[in-house]
């Protein structure tokens, strides 16, 4: 169960950073920078939602899912090129 929670946490909090990297790689931002931007953005959004509706798990989770869905929709055409770039980074 603990491994499932860790996997879910990584998916919710690091996937937006990876999707930001797909989008902003052409502007020179590296993966660690995009992971930090994605994590910071999610934390700010989670705090805003928590200040409005309180700390409720469905509200916090829905913010994360919406952010991932919007970023995924935004970069859907760039993902194949990013995967090709990713294969060239490691031998």
PDB file of N, CA and C in Angstrom:
ATOM      1  N   UNK A   1       0.820  -1.193   0.000  1.00  0.00           N
ATOM      2  CA  UNK A   1       0.000   0.000   0.000  1.00  0.00           C
ATOM      3  C   UNK A   1       0.867   1.262   0.000  1.00  0.00           C
ATOM      4  N   UNK A   2       1.938   1.221   0.765  1.00  0.00           N
ATOM      5  CA  UNK A   2       2.829   2.372   0.833  1.00  0.00           C
ATOM      6  C   UNK A   2       3.459   2.655  -0.530  1.00  0.00           C
ATOM      7  N   UNK A   3       3.838   1.630  -1.236  1.00  0.00           N
ATOM      8  CA  UNK A   3       4.420   1.808  -2.569  1.00  0.00           C
ATOM      9  C   UNK A   3       3.405   2.415  -3.532  1.00  0.00           C
ATOM     10  N   UNK A   4       2.166   2.007  -3.424  1.00  0.00           N
ATOM     11  CA  UNK A   4       1.110   2.573  -4.259  1.00  0.00           C
ATOM     12  C   UNK A   4       0.900   4.060  -3.961  1.00  0.00           C
ATOM     13  N   UNK A   5       0.949   4.433  -2.698  1.00  0.00           N
ATOM     14  CA  UNK A   5       0.805   5.839  -2.323  1.00  0.00           C
ATOM     15  C   UNK A   5       1.988   6.645  -2.836  1.00  0.00           C
ATOM     16  N   UNK A   6       3.191   6.108  -2.745  1.00  0.00           N
ATOM     17  CA  UNK A   6       4.376   6.812  -3.256  1.00  0.00           C
ATOM     18  C   UNK A   6       4.307   6.978  -4.769  1.00  0.00           C
ATOM     19  N   UNK A   7       3.878   5.961  -5.459  1.00  0.00           N
ATOM     20  CA  UNK A   7       3.735   6.030  -6.910  1.00  0.00           C
ATOM     21  C   UNK A   7       2.678   7.060  -7.313  1.00  0.00           C
ATOM     22  N   UNK A   8       1.570   7.072  -6.621  1.00  0.00           N
ATOM     23  CA  UNK A   8       0.501   8.028  -6.891  1.00  0.00           C
ATOM     24  C   UNK A   8       0.964   9.461  -6.621  1.00  0.00           C
ATOM     25  N   UNK A   9       1.732   9.664  -5.553  1.00  0.00           N
ATOM     26  CA  UNK A   9       2.259  10.986  -5.228  1.00  0.00           C
ATOM     27  C   UNK A   9       3.221  11.461  -6.301  1.00  0.00           C
ATOM     28  N   UNK A  10       4.107  10.593  -6.743  1.00  0.00           N
ATOM     29  CA  UNK A  10       5.033  10.972  -7.814  1.00  0.00           C
ATOM     30  C   UNK A  10       4.276  11.298  -9.091  1.00  0.00           C
ATOM     31  N   UNK A  11       3.264  10.539  -9.400  1.00  0.00           N
ATOM     32  CA  UNK A  11       2.468  10.791 -10.601  1.00  0.00           C
ATOM     33  C   UNK A  11       1.760  12.139 -10.513  1.00  0.00           C
ATOM     34  N   UNK A  12       1.175  12.423  -9.365  1.00  0.00           N
ATOM     35  CA  UNK A  12       0.420  13.674  -9.217  1.00  0.00           C
ATOM     36  C   UNK A  12       1.315  14.905  -9.180  1.00  0.00           C
ATOM     37  N   UNK A  13       2.495  14.796  -8.578  1.00  0.00           N
ATOM     38  CA  UNK A  13       3.300  15.987  -8.364  1.00  0.00           C
ATOM     39  C   UNK A  13       4.451  16.149  -9.339  1.00  0.00           C
ATOM     40  N   UNK A  14       4.895  15.088 -10.009  1.00  0.00           N
ATOM     41  CA  UNK A  14       6.005  15.238 -10.947  1.00  0.00           C
ATOM     42  C   UNK A  14       5.579  15.202 -12.403  1.00  0.00           C
ATOM     43  N   UNK A  15       4.429  14.651 -12.696  1.00  0.00           N
ATOM     44  CA  UNK A  15       3.949  14.628 -14.076  1.00  0.00           C
ATOM     45  C   UNK A  15       3.739  16.030 -14.654  1.00  0.00           C
ATOM     46  N   UNK A  16       3.212  16.993 -13.887  1.00  0.00           N
ATOM     47  CA  UNK A  16       3.116  18.346 -14.459  1.00  0.00           C
ATOM     48  C   UNK A  16       4.477  18.934 -14.833  1.00  0.00           C
ATOM     49  N   UNK A  17       5.504  18.653 -14.056  1.00  0.00           N
ATOM     50  CA  UNK A  17       6.844  19.138 -14.387  1.00  0.00           C
ATOM     51  C   UNK A  17       7.390  18.497 -15.648  1.00  0.00           C
ATOM     52  N   UNK A  18       7.127  17.215 -15.822  1.00  0.00           N
ATOM     53  CA  UNK A  18       7.564  16.537 -17.040  1.00  0.00           C
ATOM     54  C   UNK A  18       6.823  17.099 -18.250  1.00  0.00           C
ATOM     55  N   UNK A  19       5.526  17.338 -18.098  1.00  0.00           N
ATOM     56  CA  UNK A  19       4.764  17.917 -19.198  1.00  0.00           C
ATOM     57  C   UNK A  19       5.206  19.350 -19.488  1.00  0.00           C
ATOM     58  N   UNK A  20       5.576  20.096 -18.451  1.00  0.00           N
ATOM     59  CA  UNK A  20       6.134  21.431 -18.682  1.00  0.00           C
ATOM     60  C   UNK A  20       7.450  21.344 -19.447  1.00  0.00           C
ATOM     61  N   UNK A  21       8.240  20.318 -19.166  1.00  0.00           N
ATOM     62  CA  UNK A  21       9.505  20.150 -19.884  1.00  0.00           C
ATOM     63  C   UNK A  21       9.264  19.846 -21.356  1.00  0.00           C
ATOM     64  N   UNK A  22       8.239  19.054 -21.633  1.00  0.00           N
ATOM     65  CA  UNK A  22       7.889  18.788 -23.033  1.00  0.00           C
ATOM     66  C   UNK A  22       7.576  20.101 -23.739  1.00  0.00           C
ATOM     67  N   UNK A  23       6.871  20.979 -23.042  1.00  0.00           N
ATOM     68  CA  UNK A  23       6.438  22.239 -23.618  1.00  0.00           C
ATOM     69  C   UNK A  23       7.568  23.267 -23.700  1.00  0.00           C
ATOM     70  N   UNK A  24       8.398  23.349 -22.665  1.00  0.00           N
ATOM     71  CA  UNK A  24       9.374  24.434 -22.561  1.00  0.00           C
ATOM     72  C   UNK A  24      10.812  24.029 -22.882  1.00  0.00           C
ATOM     73  N   UNK A  25      11.020  22.800 -23.327  1.00  0.00           N
ATOM     74  CA  UNK A  25      12.377  22.352 -23.665  1.00  0.00           C
ATOM     75  C   UNK A  25      12.972  23.198 -24.776  1.00  0.00           C
ATOM     76  N   UNK A  26      12.166  23.619 -25.724  1.00  0.00           N
ATOM     77  CA  UNK A  26      12.652  24.440 -26.831  1.00  0.00           C
ATOM     78  C   UNK A  26      13.122  25.813 -26.397  1.00  0.00           C
ATOM     79  N   UNK A  27      12.692  26.250 -25.230  1.00  0.00           N
ATOM     80  CA  UNK A  27      13.116  27.555 -24.713  1.00  0.00           C
ATOM     81  C   UNK A  27      14.337  27.451 -23.811  1.00  0.00           C
ATOM     82  N   UNK A  28      14.894  26.259 -23.701  1.00  0.00           N
ATOM     83  CA  UNK A  28      16.134  26.076 -22.969  1.00  0.00           C
ATOM     84  C   UNK A  28      15.981  25.683 -21.511  1.00  0.00           C
ATOM     85  N   UNK A  29      14.782  25.386 -21.049  1.00  0.00           N
ATOM     86  CA  UNK A  29      14.612  24.982 -19.663  1.00  0.00           C
ATOM     87  C   UNK A  29      14.907  23.491 -19.521  1.00  0.00           C
ATOM     88  N   UNK A  30      15.640  23.149 -18.495  1.00  0.00           N
ATOM     89  CA  UNK A  30      16.015  21.758 -18.265  1.00  0.00           C
ATOM     90  C   UNK A  30      14.930  21.041 -17.459  1.00  0.00           C
ATOM     91  N   UNK A  31      15.050  19.728 -17.399  1.00  0.00           N
ATOM     92  CA  UNK A  31      14.060  18.922 -16.682  1.00  0.00           C
ATOM     93  C   UNK A  31      13.982  19.278 -15.198  1.00  0.00           C
ATOM     94  N   UNK A  32      15.106  19.426 -14.472  1.00  0.00           N
ATOM     95  CA  UNK A  32      14.975  19.791 -13.049  1.00  0.00           C
ATOM     96  C   UNK A  32      14.277  21.132 -12.830  1.00  0.00           C
ATOM     97  N   UNK A  33      14.538  22.093 -13.705  1.00  0.00           N
ATOM     98  CA  UNK A  33      13.874  23.397 -13.577  1.00  0.00           C
ATOM     99  C   UNK A  33      12.372  23.249 -13.806  1.00  0.00           C
ATOM    100  N   UNK A  34      11.994  22.491 -14.807  1.00  0.00           N
ATOM    101  CA  UNK A  34      10.570  22.286 -15.094  1.00  0.00           C
ATOM    102  C   UNK A  34       9.886  21.490 -13.992  1.00  0.00           C
ATOM    103  N   UNK A  35      10.582  20.513 -13.410  1.00  0.00           N
ATOM    104  CA  UNK A  35      10.008  19.781 -12.277  1.00  0.00           C
ATOM    105  C   UNK A  35       9.754  20.730 -11.110  1.00  0.00           C
ATOM    106  N   UNK A  36      10.696  21.621 -10.863  1.00  0.00           N
ATOM    107  CA  UNK A  36      10.522  22.600  -9.792  1.00  0.00           C
ATOM    108  C   UNK A  36       9.384  23.561 -10.074  1.00  0.00           C
ATOM    109  N   UNK A  37       9.282  24.032 -11.317  1.00  0.00           N
ATOM    110  CA  UNK A  37       8.181  24.929 -11.676  1.00  0.00           C
ATOM    111  C   UNK A  37       6.830  24.236 -11.557  1.00  0.00           C
ATOM    112  N   UNK A  38       6.762  22.995 -12.017  1.00  0.00           N
ATOM    113  CA  UNK A  38       5.510  22.248 -11.921  1.00  0.00           C
ATOM    114  C   UNK A  38       5.106  21.988 -10.485  1.00  0.00           C
ATOM    115  N   UNK A  39       6.069  21.614  -9.653  1.00  0.00           N
ATOM    116  CA  UNK A  39       5.776  21.352  -8.246  1.00  0.00           C
ATOM    117  C   UNK A  39       5.374  22.635  -7.532  1.00  0.00           C
ATOM    118  N   UNK A  40       6.074  23.732  -7.807  1.00  0.00           N
ATOM    119  CA  UNK A  40       5.734  25.013  -7.178  1.00  0.00           C
ATOM    120  C   UNK A  40       4.355  25.485  -7.620  1.00  0.00           C
ATOM    121  N   UNK A  41       4.055  25.330  -8.892  1.00  0.00           N
ATOM    122  CA  UNK A  41       2.740  25.731  -9.378  1.00  0.00           C
ATOM    123  C   UNK A  41       1.619  24.934  -8.733  1.00  0.00           C
ATOM    124  N   UNK A  42       1.824  23.625  -8.606  1.00  0.00           N
ATOM    125  CA  UNK A  42       0.796  22.796  -7.966  1.00  0.00           C
ATOM    126  C   UNK A  42       0.622  23.154  -6.498  1.00  0.00           C
ATOM    127  N   UNK A  43       1.714  23.441  -5.816  1.00  0.00           N
ATOM    128  CA  UNK A  43       1.611  23.805  -4.406  1.00  0.00           C
ATOM    129  C   UNK A  43       0.833  25.108  -4.250  1.00  0.00           C
ATOM    130  N   UNK A  44       1.120  26.079  -5.101  1.00  0.00           N
ATOM    131  CA  UNK A  44       0.395  27.350  -5.036  1.00  0.00           C
ATOM    132  C   UNK A  44      -1.088  27.131  -5.322  1.00  0.00           C
ATOM    133  N   UNK A  45      -1.399  26.358  -6.362  1.00  0.00           N
ATOM    134  CA  UNK A  45      -2.812  26.081  -6.661  1.00  0.00           C
ATOM    135  C   UNK A  45      -3.500  25.324  -5.529  1.00  0.00           C
ATOM    136  N   UNK A  46      -2.800  24.349  -4.936  1.00  0.00           N
ATOM    137  CA  UNK A  46      -3.381  23.596  -3.827  1.00  0.00           C
ATOM    138  C   UNK A  46      -3.650  24.496  -2.627  1.00  0.00           C
ATOM    139  N   UNK A  47      -2.750  25.424  -2.353  1.00  0.00           N
ATOM    140  CA  UNK A  47      -2.948  26.342  -1.226  1.00  0.00           C
ATOM    141  C   UNK A  47      -4.120  27.276  -1.500  1.00  0.00           C
ATOM    142  N   UNK A  48      -4.229  27.768  -2.730  1.00  0.00           N
ATOM    143  CA  UNK A  48      -5.367  28.624  -3.072  1.00  0.00           C
ATOM    144  C   UNK A  48      -6.681  27.880  -2.907  1.00  0.00           C
ATOM    145  N   UNK A  49      -6.727  26.656  -3.422  1.00  0.00           N
ATOM    146  CA  UNK A  49      -7.958  25.871  -3.288  1.00  0.00           C
ATOM    147  C   UNK A  49      -8.242  25.580  -1.818  1.00  0.00           C
ATOM    148  N   UNK A  50      -7.216  25.273  -1.048  1.00  0.00           N
ATOM    149  CA  UNK A  50      -7.407  24.982   0.370  1.00  0.00           C
ATOM    150  C   UNK A  50      -7.889  26.210   1.132  1.00  0.00           C
ATOM    151  N   UNK A  51      -7.429  27.390   0.734  1.00  0.00           N
ATOM    152  CA  UNK A  51      -7.891  28.590   1.429  1.00  0.00           C
ATOM    153  C   UNK A  51      -9.335  28.923   1.076  1.00  0.00           C
ATOM    154  N   UNK A  52      -9.796  28.475  -0.077  1.00  0.00           N
ATOM    155  CA  UNK A  52     -11.172  28.765  -0.486  1.00  0.00           C
ATOM    156  C   UNK A  52     -12.148  27.723   0.063  1.00  0.00           C
ATOM    157  N   UNK A  53     -11.843  26.448  -0.125  1.00  0.00           N
ATOM    158  CA  UNK A  53     -12.792  25.389   0.254  1.00  0.00           C
ATOM    159  C   UNK A  53     -12.320  24.542   1.429  1.00  0.00           C
ATOM    160  N   UNK A  54     -11.161  24.820   1.972  1.00  0.00           N
ATOM    161  CA  UNK A  54     -10.631  24.003   3.057  1.00  0.00           C
ATOM    162  C   UNK A  54      -9.834  22.831   2.508  1.00  0.00           C
ATOM    163  N   UNK A  55      -9.139  22.145   3.395  1.00  0.00           N
ATOM    164  CA  UNK A  55      -8.313  21.012   2.982  1.00  0.00           C
ATOM    165  C   UNK A  55      -9.205  19.791   2.797  1.00  0.00           C
ATOM    166  N   UNK A  56      -9.683  19.620   1.593  1.00  0.00           N
ATOM    167  CA  UNK A  56     -10.520  18.473   1.244  1.00  0.00           C
ATOM    168  C   UNK A  56      -9.821  17.707   0.141  1.00  0.00           C
ATOM    169  N   UNK A  57      -9.696  16.428   0.361  1.00  0.00           N
ATOM    170  CA  UNK A  57      -8.964  15.598  -0.592  1.00  0.00           C
ATOM    171  C   UNK A  57      -9.531  15.649  -2.002  1.00  0.00           C
ATOM    172  N   UNK A  58     -10.839  15.558  -2.203  1.00  0.00           N
ATOM    173  CA  UNK A  58     -11.355  15.616  -3.584  1.00  0.00           C
ATOM    174  C   UNK A  58     -11.014  16.930  -4.291  1.00  0.00           C
ATOM    175  N   UNK A  59     -11.043  18.036  -3.571  1.00  0.00           N
ATOM    176  CA  UNK A  59     -10.711  19.323  -4.188  1.00  0.00           C
ATOM    177  C   UNK A  59      -9.233  19.381  -4.565  1.00  0.00           C
ATOM    178  N   UNK A  60      -8.377  18.918  -3.666  1.00  0.00           N
ATOM    179  CA  UNK A  60      -6.938  18.930  -3.944  1.00  0.00           C
ATOM    180  C   UNK A  60      -6.612  18.001  -5.118  1.00  0.00           C
ATOM    181  N   UNK A  61      -7.217  16.829  -5.124  1.00  0.00           N
ATOM    182  CA  UNK A  61      -6.967  15.870  -6.195  1.00  0.00           C
ATOM    183  C   UNK A  61      -7.506  16.385  -7.527  1.00  0.00           C
ATOM    184  N   UNK A  62      -8.652  17.026  -7.505  1.00  0.00           N
ATOM    185  CA  UNK A  62      -9.214  17.531  -8.758  1.00  0.00           C
ATOM    186  C   UNK A  62      -8.346  18.638  -9.348  1.00  0.00           C
ATOM    187  N   UNK A  63      -7.731  19.463  -8.513  1.00  0.00           N
ATOM    188  CA  UNK A  63      -6.800  20.484  -9.022  1.00  0.00           C
ATOM    189  C   UNK A  63      -5.638  19.814  -9.733  1.00  0.00           C
ATOM    190  N   UNK A  64      -5.076  18.788  -9.130  1.00  0.00           N
ATOM    191  CA  UNK A  64      -3.951  18.082  -9.739  1.00  0.00           C
ATOM    192  C   UNK A  64      -4.354  17.423 -11.053  1.00  0.00           C
ATOM    193  N   UNK A  65      -5.503  16.776 -11.071  1.00  0.00           N
ATOM    194  CA  UNK A  65      -5.957  16.097 -12.284  1.00  0.00           C
ATOM    195  C   UNK A  65      -6.236  17.105 -13.396  1.00  0.00           C
ATOM    196  N   UNK A  66      -6.836  18.239 -13.047  1.00  0.00           N
ATOM    197  CA  UNK A  66      -7.121  19.264 -14.052  1.00  0.00           C
ATOM    198  C   UNK A  66      -5.839  19.841 -14.620  1.00  0.00           C
ATOM    199  N   UNK A  67      -4.854  20.100 -13.772  1.00  0.00           N
ATOM    200  CA  UNK A  67      -3.573  20.639 -14.256  1.00  0.00           C
ATOM    201  C   UNK A  67      -2.899  19.642 -15.198  1.00  0.00           C
ATOM    202  N   UNK A  68      -2.871  18.382 -14.822  1.00  0.00           N
ATOM    203  CA  UNK A  68      -2.255  17.362 -15.680  1.00  0.00           C
ATOM    204  C   UNK A  68      -3.017  17.240 -16.997  1.00  0.00           C
ATOM    205  N   UNK A  69      -4.340  17.280 -16.942  1.00  0.00           N
ATOM    206  CA  UNK A  69      -5.134  17.165 -18.168  1.00  0.00           C
ATOM    207  C   UNK A  69      -4.910  18.360 -19.091  1.00  0.00           C
ATOM    208  N   UNK A  70      -4.856  19.556 -18.535  1.00  0.00           N
ATOM    209  CA  UNK A  70      -4.646  20.746 -19.363  1.00  0.00           C
ATOM    210  C   UNK A  70      -3.250  20.731 -19.974  1.00  0.00           C
ATOM    211  N   UNK A  71      -2.244  20.417 -19.173  1.00  0.00           N
ATOM    212  CA  UNK A  71      -0.883  20.346 -19.722  1.00  0.00           C
ATOM    213  C   UNK A  71      -0.757  19.226 -20.751  1.00  0.00           C
ATOM    214  N   UNK A  72      -1.367  18.082 -20.472  1.00  0.00           N
ATOM    215  CA  UNK A  72      -1.330  16.977 -21.429  1.00  0.00           C
ATOM    216  C   UNK A  72      -1.990  17.335 -22.743  1.00  0.00           C
ATOM    217  N   UNK A  73      -3.116  18.051 -22.679  1.00  0.00           N
ATOM    218  CA  UNK A  73      -3.783  18.491 -23.900  1.00  0.00           C
ATOM    219  C   UNK A  73      -2.922  19.493 -24.649  1.00  0.00           C
ATOM    220  N   UNK A  74      -2.233  20.365 -23.909  1.00  0.00           N
ATOM    221  CA  UNK A  74      -1.400  21.392 -24.532  1.00  0.00           C
ATOM    222  C   UNK A  74      -0.204  20.793 -25.280  1.00  0.00           C
ATOM    223  N   UNK A  75       0.390  19.748 -24.750  1.00  0.00           N
ATOM    224  CA  UNK A  75       1.622  19.198 -25.333  1.00  0.00           C
ATOM    225  C   UNK A  75       1.395  17.920 -26.125  1.00  0.00           C
ATOM    226  N   UNK A  76       0.164  17.581 -26.409  1.00  0.00           N
ATOM    227  CA  UNK A  76      -0.118  16.290 -27.055  1.00  0.00           C
ATOM    228  C   UNK A  76       0.590  16.126 -28.391  1.00  0.00           C
ATOM    229  N   UNK A  77       0.816  17.192 -29.124  1.00  0.00           N
ATOM    230  CA  UNK A  77       1.498  17.083 -30.419  1.00  0.00           C
ATOM    231  C   UNK A  77       3.012  17.039 -30.277  1.00  0.00           C
ATOM    232  N   UNK A  78       3.531  17.480 -29.155  1.00  0.00           N
ATOM    233  CA  UNK A  78       4.980  17.557 -28.960  1.00  0.00           C
ATOM    234  C   UNK A  78       5.561  16.323 -28.270  1.00  0.00           C
ATOM    235  N   UNK A  79       4.729  15.451 -27.775  1.00  0.00           N
ATOM    236  CA  UNK A  79       5.212  14.297 -27.016  1.00  0.00           C
ATOM    237  C   UNK A  79       6.061  13.348 -27.866  1.00  0.00           C
ATOM    238  N   UNK A  80       5.689  13.007 -29.119  1.00  0.00           N
ATOM    239  CA  UNK A  80       6.568  12.111 -29.897  1.00  0.00           C
ATOM    240  C   UNK A  80       7.979  12.683 -30.102  1.00  0.00           C
ATOM    241  N   UNK A  81       8.081  13.977 -30.370  1.00  0.00           N
ATOM    242  CA  UNK A  81       9.407  14.584 -30.540  1.00  0.00           C
ATOM    243  C   UNK A  81      10.181  14.573 -29.229  1.00  0.00           C
ATOM    244  N   UNK A  82       9.470  14.772 -28.113  1.00  0.00           N
ATOM    245  CA  UNK A  82      10.135  14.745 -26.813  1.00  0.00           C
ATOM    246  C   UNK A  82      10.625  13.343 -26.477  1.00  0.00           C
ATOM    247  N   UNK A  83       9.837  12.332 -26.816  1.00  0.00           N
ATOM    248  CA  UNK A  83      10.277  10.953 -26.575  1.00  0.00           C
ATOM    249  C   UNK A  83      11.501  10.608 -27.417  1.00  0.00           C
ATOM    250  N   UNK A  84      11.551  11.097 -28.646  1.00  0.00           N
ATOM    251  CA  UNK A  84      12.731  10.879 -29.479  1.00  0.00           C
ATOM    252  C   UNK A  84      13.937  11.588 -28.872  1.00  0.00           C
ATOM    253  N   UNK A  85      13.746  12.798 -28.369  1.00  0.00           N
ATOM    254  CA  UNK A  85      14.836  13.519 -27.703  1.00  0.00           C
ATOM    255  C   UNK A  85      15.284  12.775 -26.457  1.00  0.00           C
ATOM    256  N   UNK A  86      14.322  12.236 -25.701  1.00  0.00           N
ATOM    257  CA  UNK A  86      14.642  11.522 -24.465  1.00  0.00           C
ATOM    258  C   UNK A  86      15.507  10.294 -24.741  1.00  0.00           C
ATOM    259  N   UNK A  87      15.237   9.591 -25.852  1.00  0.00           N
ATOM    260  CA  UNK A  87      16.034   8.401 -26.190  1.00  0.00           C
ATOM    261  C   UNK A  87      17.473   8.757 -26.521  1.00  0.00           C
ATOM    262  N   UNK A  88      17.726   9.979 -26.968  1.00  0.00           N
ATOM    263  CA  UNK A  88      19.100  10.382 -27.301  1.00  0.00           C
ATOM    264  C   UNK A  88      19.891  10.814 -26.069  1.00  0.00           C
ATOM    265  N   UNK A  89      19.243  10.979 -24.933  1.00  0.00           N
ATOM    266  CA  UNK A  89      19.929  11.481 -23.745  1.00  0.00           C
ATOM    267  C   UNK A  89      20.671  10.408 -22.967  1.00  0.00           C
ATOM    268  N   UNK A  90      20.217   9.174 -23.065  1.00  0.00           N
ATOM    269  CA  UNK A  90      20.860   8.081 -22.356  1.00  0.00           C
ATOM    270  C   UNK A  90      21.271   7.013 -23.364  1.00  0.00           C
ATOM    271  N   UNK A  91      22.474   6.500 -23.196  1.00  0.00           N
ATOM    272  CA  UNK A  91      22.939   5.480 -24.163  1.00  0.00           C
ATOM    273  C   UNK A  91      22.232   4.153 -24.012  1.00  0.00           C
TER     274      UNK A  91
END
